[in-house]
Protein backbone atom coordinates (compact mmCIF):
# COMPACT_ATOMS: atom_id res chain seq x y z
CA UNK A 1 -19.78 4.38 -4.96
CA UNK A 2 -18.64 1.11 -3.41
CA UNK A 3 -20.55 -0.56 -0.60
CA UNK A 4 -18.94 -2.93 1.91
CA UNK A 5 -20.53 -4.74 4.84
CA UNK A 6 -18.67 -4.66 8.14
CA UNK A 7 -18.97 -8.36 8.93
CA UNK A 8 -18.42 -8.30 12.69
CA UNK A 9 -20.89 -5.47 13.27
CA UNK A 10 -23.42 -7.14 10.99
CA UNK A 11 -23.13 -10.43 12.92
CA UNK A 12 -23.62 -8.63 16.26
CA UNK A 13 -26.68 -6.86 14.85
CA UNK A 14 -28.20 -10.11 13.56
CA UNK A 15 -27.59 -11.84 16.90
CA UNK A 16 -29.26 -8.93 18.73
CA UNK A 17 -32.28 -9.14 16.41
CA UNK A 18 -32.44 -12.92 16.90
CA UNK A 19 -32.44 -12.53 20.70
CA UNK A 20 -35.26 -10.01 20.47
CA UNK A 21 -37.19 -12.41 18.26
CA UNK A 22 -36.78 -15.19 20.84
CA UNK A 23 -37.98 -12.81 23.52
CA UNK A 24 -41.09 -12.01 21.49
CA UNK A 25 -41.81 -15.73 20.93
CA UNK A 26 -41.38 -16.81 24.55
CA UNK A 27 -42.59 -13.76 26.51
CA UNK A 28 -45.10 -12.27 24.06
CA UNK A 29 -44.51 -8.76 25.36
CA UNK A 30 -45.73 -5.84 23.19
CA UNK A 31 -42.64 -3.77 24.05
CA UNK A 32 -40.34 -6.47 22.73
CA UNK A 33 -42.40 -6.67 19.56
CA UNK A 34 -42.05 -2.91 19.02
CA UNK A 35 -38.31 -3.08 19.64
CA UNK A 36 -37.96 -5.93 17.13
CA UNK A 37 -39.83 -3.98 14.47
CA UNK A 38 -37.64 -0.94 15.09
CA UNK A 39 -34.48 -3.02 14.78
CA UNK A 40 -35.69 -4.51 11.49
CA UNK A 41 -36.75 -1.12 10.04
CA UNK A 42 -33.67 0.80 11.23
CA UNK A 43 -31.31 -1.22 9.07
CA UNK A 44 -32.63 -0.27 5.58
CA UNK A 45 -33.49 3.23 6.81
CA UNK A 46 -29.90 3.77 7.97
CA UNK A 47 -28.53 2.54 4.62
CA UNK A 48 -30.94 4.70 2.61
CA UNK A 49 -30.36 7.96 4.54
CA UNK A 50 -26.56 7.54 4.51
CA UNK A 51 -26.37 6.74 0.78
CA UNK A 52 -28.49 9.79 -0.12
CA UNK A 53 -26.81 12.22 2.29
CA UNK A 54 -23.28 11.35 1.25
CA UNK A 55 -24.05 12.43 -2.31
CA UNK A 56 -24.92 15.94 -1.09
CA UNK A 57 -21.78 16.49 0.96
CA UNK A 58 -19.15 18.81 -0.56
CA UNK A 59 -15.51 18.27 0.40
CA UNK A 60 -12.50 20.38 -0.51
CA UNK A 61 -8.87 20.73 0.47
CA UNK A 62 -6.53 23.70 -0.03
CA UNK A 63 -3.16 25.08 0.96
CA UNK A 64 -2.46 28.83 0.89
CA UNK A 65 0.53 29.04 3.20
CA UNK A 66 3.25 29.68 0.61
CA UNK A 67 6.82 28.46 0.92
CA UNK A 68 8.12 27.19 4.23
CA UNK A 69 11.54 26.06 5.45
CA UNK A 70 12.41 22.49 6.41
CA UNK A 71 11.64 21.92 10.08
CA UNK A 72 8.59 24.19 10.10
CA UNK A 73 4.96 23.05 10.30
CA UNK A 74 2.60 23.66 7.38
CA UNK A 75 -1.18 23.70 7.76
CA UNK A 76 -3.59 22.84 4.98
CA UNK A 77 -7.38 23.23 5.25
CA UNK A 78 -9.88 20.41 4.87
CA UNK A 79 -13.47 21.67 4.54
CA UNK A 80 -16.75 19.70 4.70
CA UNK A 81 -20.15 21.13 3.78
CA UNK A 82 -23.29 19.10 4.55
CA UNK A 83 -26.53 20.81 3.39
CA UNK A 84 -28.66 17.85 4.52
CA UNK A 85 -30.69 17.66 7.75
CA UNK A 86 -28.99 14.35 8.50
CA UNK A 87 -25.47 14.31 9.98
CA UNK A 88 -22.75 11.87 8.97
CA UNK A 89 -20.73 11.11 12.07
CA UNK A 90 -18.46 8.33 10.86
CA UNK A 91 -16.43 9.76 7.96
CA UNK A 92 -12.83 8.92 7.08
CA UNK A 93 -10.56 10.48 4.43
CA UNK A 94 -7.68 8.32 3.18
CA UNK A 95 -4.63 9.99 1.71
CA UNK A 96 -0.94 9.58 1.04
CA UNK A 97 1.50 12.15 2.33
CA UNK A 98 5.14 12.40 1.40
CA UNK A 99 7.97 14.33 -0.14
CA UNK A 100 8.64 14.16 -3.90
CA UNK A 101 12.28 13.44 -3.05
CA UNK A 102 11.49 10.80 -0.44
CA UNK A 103 9.01 8.04 0.38
CA UNK A 104 5.25 8.54 0.72
CA UNK A 105 3.23 7.05 3.59
CA UNK A 106 -0.47 6.26 3.85
CA UNK A 107 -2.60 8.12 6.37
CA UNK A 108 -6.22 8.72 7.30
CA UNK A 109 -8.31 11.41 8.98
CA UNK A 110 -11.62 10.86 10.79
CA UNK A 111 -14.12 13.74 10.72
CA UNK A 112 -17.88 14.43 11.11
CA UNK A 113 -20.17 16.00 8.50
CA UNK A 114 -22.58 17.89 10.73
CA UNK A 115 -26.10 18.63 9.50
CA UNK A 116 -26.55 21.95 7.66
CA UNK A 117 -23.11 23.14 8.54
CA UNK A 118 -19.71 23.76 6.97
CA UNK A 119 -16.69 22.83 9.04
CA UNK A 120 -13.05 23.57 8.31
CA UNK A 121 -10.28 21.46 9.81
CA UNK A 122 -6.68 22.69 9.90
CA UNK A 123 -4.39 19.73 9.37
CA UNK A 124 -0.73 20.19 10.42
CA UNK A 125 2.07 18.68 8.33
CA UNK A 126 5.47 18.35 9.95
CA UNK A 127 8.39 18.90 7.56
CA UNK A 128 11.84 17.56 8.35
CA UNK A 129 13.46 17.67 4.90
CA UNK A 130 13.43 19.94 1.88
CA UNK A 131 11.32 18.95 -1.09
CA UNK A 132 7.86 19.32 -2.51
CA UNK A 133 5.50 17.83 0.08
CA UNK A 134 2.47 16.26 -1.62
CA UNK A 135 -0.80 15.32 0.03
CA UNK A 136 -2.75 13.01 -2.30
CA UNK A 137 -6.34 12.32 -1.28
CA UNK A 138 -7.79 9.12 -2.69
CA UNK A 139 -11.12 8.13 -1.12
CA UNK A 140 -13.74 9.16 1.42
CA UNK A 141 -15.33 6.38 3.49
CA UNK A 142 -18.61 6.93 5.36
CA UNK A 143 -20.27 4.41 7.70
CA UNK A 144 -24.03 4.31 8.18
CA UNK A 145 -25.60 5.20 11.55
CA UNK A 146 -25.54 1.58 12.72
CA UNK A 147 -21.92 1.20 11.59
CA UNK A 148 -22.78 -1.90 9.58
CA UNK A 149 -22.19 -0.78 6.00
CA UNK A 150 -19.45 1.48 4.68
CA UNK A 151 -19.85 3.61 1.54
CA UNK A 152 -16.62 4.50 -0.30
CA UNK A 153 -16.47 7.37 -2.77
CA UNK A 154 -13.48 8.49 -4.84
CA UNK A 155 -12.04 11.82 -3.76
CA UNK A 156 -9.00 12.46 -5.94
CA UNK A 157 -7.32 15.72 -5.07
CA UNK A 158 -3.72 16.77 -4.43
CA UNK A 159 -2.05 19.73 -2.81
CA UNK A 160 1.63 20.64 -2.88
CA UNK A 161 3.59 22.37 -0.13
CA UNK A 162 6.97 23.76 -1.24
CA UNK A 163 9.58 23.21 1.47
CA UNK A 164 12.86 25.07 1.05
CA UNK A 165 16.15 23.72 2.43
CA UNK A 166 17.03 24.78 5.94
CA UNK A 167 19.09 27.95 5.96
CA UNK A 168 22.61 27.44 7.22
CA UNK A 169 25.83 29.36 7.23
CA UNK A 170 28.75 28.05 5.17
CA UNK A 171 32.37 29.08 4.76
CA UNK A 172 32.53 30.36 1.21
CA UNK A 173 35.28 28.63 -0.78
CA UNK A 174 37.38 30.50 -3.30
CA UNK A 175 35.28 30.42 -6.43
CA UNK A 176 36.26 30.84 -10.06
CA UNK A 177 34.06 32.00 -12.88
CA UNK A 178 33.74 29.66 -15.83
CA UNK A 179 35.84 29.76 -18.98
CA UNK A 180 34.20 28.14 -21.97
CA UNK A 181 34.26 27.63 -25.69
CA UNK A 182 30.47 27.24 -25.79
CA UNK A 183 28.27 26.04 -28.61
CA UNK A 184 26.39 29.33 -28.64
CA UNK A 185 27.97 32.59 -27.45
CA UNK A 186 26.10 35.85 -27.54
CA UNK A 187 27.32 39.41 -27.31
CA UNK A 188 25.77 42.21 -25.37
CA UNK A 189 24.49 42.44 -21.82
CA UNK A 190 26.78 42.42 -18.84
CA UNK A 191 27.22 38.95 -17.49
CA UNK A 192 26.81 37.20 -20.84
CA UNK A 193 29.74 35.39 -22.41
CA UNK A 194 31.28 37.30 -25.37
CA UNK A 195 33.72 36.44 -28.17
CA UNK A 196 35.94 38.98 -29.89
CA UNK A 197 37.36 38.34 -33.36
CA UNK A 198 41.14 38.27 -33.17
CA UNK A 199 41.95 37.76 -36.86
CA UNK A 200 40.81 36.02 -40.05
CA UNK A 201 42.63 33.30 -41.96
CA UNK A 202 42.23 30.66 -44.63
CA UNK A 203 40.04 27.64 -43.99
CA UNK A 204 41.78 24.56 -42.56
CA UNK A 205 40.40 21.02 -42.41
CA UNK A 206 38.53 20.60 -39.12
CA UNK A 207 37.39 24.22 -38.83
CA UNK A 208 33.76 24.65 -37.86
CA UNK A 209 31.31 25.95 -40.46
CA UNK A 210 29.84 28.47 -38.00
CA UNK A 211 33.26 30.17 -37.77
CA UNK A 212 33.38 30.90 -41.52
CA UNK A 213 33.28 34.61 -42.40
CA UNK A 214 30.72 34.34 -45.17
CA UNK A 215 30.94 37.95 -46.40
CA UNK A 216 34.72 37.81 -46.87
CA UNK A 217 34.49 34.30 -48.32
CA UNK A 218 32.04 35.55 -50.94
CA UNK A 219 34.62 38.09 -52.17
CA UNK A 220 37.41 35.56 -52.52
CA UNK A 221 37.88 32.17 -54.12
CA UNK A 222 38.20 30.30 -50.80
CA UNK A 223 36.66 30.13 -47.38
CA UNK A 224 37.83 32.67 -44.77
CA UNK A 225 37.61 31.64 -41.12
CA UNK A 226 37.30 33.90 -38.05
CA UNK A 227 39.67 33.34 -35.11
CA UNK A 228 38.51 34.51 -31.72
CA UNK A 229 40.02 35.73 -28.53
CA UNK A 230 39.79 33.23 -25.72
CA UNK A 231 36.51 33.26 -23.83
CA UNK A 232 36.39 35.50 -20.75
CA UNK A 233 35.51 34.63 -17.13
CA UNK A 234 32.13 36.29 -16.70
CA UNK A 235 29.90 34.19 -14.44
CA UNK A 236 29.78 31.37 -11.92
CA UNK A 237 28.43 27.97 -12.94
CA UNK A 238 27.02 25.62 -10.29
CA UNK A 239 26.62 21.94 -11.09
CA UNK A 240 24.51 20.02 -8.51
CA UNK A 241 25.29 16.28 -8.69
CA UNK A 242 22.61 14.84 -6.46
CA UNK A 243 22.89 11.48 -4.77
CA UNK A 244 20.04 10.13 -2.65
CA UNK A 245 22.22 9.62 0.42
CA UNK A 246 23.37 13.27 0.42
CA UNK A 247 20.23 15.02 -0.85
CA UNK A 248 19.65 17.00 2.35
CA UNK A 249 23.26 18.23 2.60
CA UNK A 250 23.59 19.09 -1.10
CA UNK A 251 20.32 21.00 -1.15
CA UNK A 252 21.32 22.99 1.94
CA UNK A 253 24.74 23.75 0.44
CA UNK A 254 23.16 24.82 -2.85
CA UNK A 255 20.70 27.14 -1.09
CA UNK A 256 23.40 28.66 1.15
CA UNK A 257 25.84 29.11 -1.75
CA UNK A 258 23.16 30.73 -3.91
CA UNK A 259 22.06 33.11 -1.15
CA UNK A 260 25.64 34.19 -0.49
CA UNK A 261 26.29 34.88 -4.19
CA UNK A 262 23.07 36.89 -4.49
CA UNK A 263 23.93 38.79 -1.31
CA UNK A 264 27.23 39.70 -2.98
CA UNK A 265 25.26 40.92 -6.01
CA UNK A 266 26.60 38.11 -8.18
CA UNK A 267 24.44 36.44 -10.80
CA UNK A 268 25.20 32.83 -11.63
CA UNK A 269 24.06 29.84 -13.67
CA UNK A 270 22.87 26.43 -12.53
CA UNK A 271 23.35 23.35 -14.70
CA UNK A 272 20.64 20.72 -14.20
CA UNK A 273 20.27 17.32 -15.79
CA UNK A 274 16.95 17.17 -17.65
CA UNK A 275 14.20 14.77 -16.69
CA UNK A 276 15.37 12.19 -19.25
CA UNK A 277 19.08 12.93 -18.55
CA UNK A 278 19.70 13.54 -22.23
CA UNK A 279 20.51 17.24 -22.01
CA UNK A 280 21.70 19.83 -19.52
CA UNK A 281 19.37 22.69 -18.65
CA UNK A 282 21.05 25.99 -17.83
CA UNK A 283 19.12 28.25 -15.44
CA UNK A 284 20.12 31.85 -14.78
CA UNK A 285 19.80 33.12 -11.20
CA UNK A 286 19.82 36.80 -10.24
CA UNK A 287 17.52 36.97 -7.21
CA UNK A 288 16.21 34.93 -4.29
CA UNK A 289 13.01 34.35 -6.26
CA UNK A 290 15.06 32.91 -9.15
CA UNK A 291 16.96 30.71 -6.70
CA UNK A 292 13.74 29.33 -5.20
CA UNK A 293 12.34 28.70 -8.68
CA UNK A 294 15.43 26.65 -9.54
CA UNK A 295 15.09 24.70 -6.28
CA UNK A 296 11.50 23.80 -7.14
CA UNK A 297 12.67 22.76 -10.62
CA UNK A 298 15.20 20.49 -8.90
CA UNK A 299 12.36 18.89 -6.94
CA UNK A 300 10.63 18.07 -10.24
CA UNK A 301 13.72 16.73 -12.02
CA UNK A 302 14.99 14.55 -9.19
CA UNK A 303 11.66 13.26 -7.87
CA UNK A 304 12.50 9.77 -9.13
CA UNK A 305 15.90 9.55 -7.46
CA UNK A 306 15.92 6.32 -5.46
CA UNK A 307 18.07 5.14 -2.51
CA UNK A 308 21.48 4.01 -3.70
CA UNK A 309 21.15 6.03 -6.91
CA UNK A 310 22.87 9.19 -8.14
CA UNK A 311 22.04 11.58 -10.95
CA UNK A 312 24.11 11.45 -14.12
CA UNK A 313 24.59 15.23 -14.14
CA UNK A 314 28.41 15.18 -14.07
CA UNK A 315 28.91 12.83 -17.02
CA UNK A 316 26.17 14.51 -19.02
CA UNK A 317 27.65 17.96 -18.38
CA UNK A 318 31.16 16.80 -19.30
CA UNK A 319 29.89 15.45 -22.62
CA UNK A 320 27.86 18.53 -23.47
CA UNK A 321 30.45 21.10 -22.34
CA UNK A 322 33.85 19.37 -22.61
CA UNK A 323 35.79 22.65 -22.70
CA UNK A 324 34.21 24.34 -19.68
CA UNK A 325 36.43 24.88 -16.63
CA UNK A 326 35.90 26.45 -13.23
CA UNK A 327 32.59 24.73 -12.55
CA UNK A 328 31.41 24.68 -8.91
CA UNK A 329 30.28 21.13 -8.12
CA UNK A 330 27.92 20.07 -5.34
CA UNK A 331 28.59 16.43 -4.62
CA UNK A 332 28.58 14.09 -1.63
CA UNK A 333 27.51 16.85 0.77
CA UNK A 334 30.47 19.05 -0.24
CA UNK A 335 31.08 22.16 -2.33
CA UNK A 336 33.88 21.32 -4.77
CA UNK A 337 35.28 24.47 -6.36
CA UNK A 338 37.85 22.96 -8.68
CA UNK A 339 39.59 24.73 -11.51
CA UNK A 340 39.46 21.81 -13.94
CA UNK A 341 36.82 19.09 -14.00
CA UNK A 342 38.30 15.70 -13.11
CA UNK A 343 36.93 12.20 -13.00
CA UNK A 344 36.00 10.80 -9.59
């Protein structure tokens, strides 16, 4: 616990005590003597009671409101329990409040800790943009009854308020499902990419080892390679390419596009650049809950995106999936449904 003296208040208090002392010396009045003694005794008593009471106070903060949409107001609860018979009237909580995708600002809240009582304060948070709103509490500062000394205690606690993009209507572009020669292709469930063997042939330099038909090769004196039918168009692939300047528009377009696809009973994939931008993460979306989960993952991955910066999702995706076509790009506040990926 850190203690700091409020210089101005302390000087005023000392001057008041000095004036009372002069009054006692010159006028020799018993009442002035009593007042002087009270002034002298109140100071350590105020410090002692405040320092002991503050250690008994219990403070908590919580948010149970669930997801909200940008533009709505969220309310978190700040509760203070003081089991002592002494109240603390001059309390101040210092915290930072901001969006993981945008700047954080410092704030403070003044509250009382009433004697033998628990109070709960609803604190409104205005949301203007999508993102994960974080409220990070740092310290609690309490002044003694004479407002001369402040006691600062650490109060490290955070709450997160998920804020979804504002819902808007968009004109759906003509979309194509992806065609890919992927690194890993599975067979089976509807919506998964499949490969059908077209024929087998002798091994040629440059053929991939994973395409070798090992059973047939074991029966012959040379390697036999499987040739496949071309990959089939089976699902939509969305590639968000976030840039700080267009974050709001791209998030709203992504949310609207996803909701429209789900409404049309279409499942789709979302390609996200990992936190270290070394690999693409592919997320499958089949429901609104899946879509919201992906949005919150976006908030995590792009929390460090700074003004004037853009993610490297496009280049990373092009390197990892050079043969994939029909990707739906979200870039510069636009939905780009191009058949073949091109440089920009």
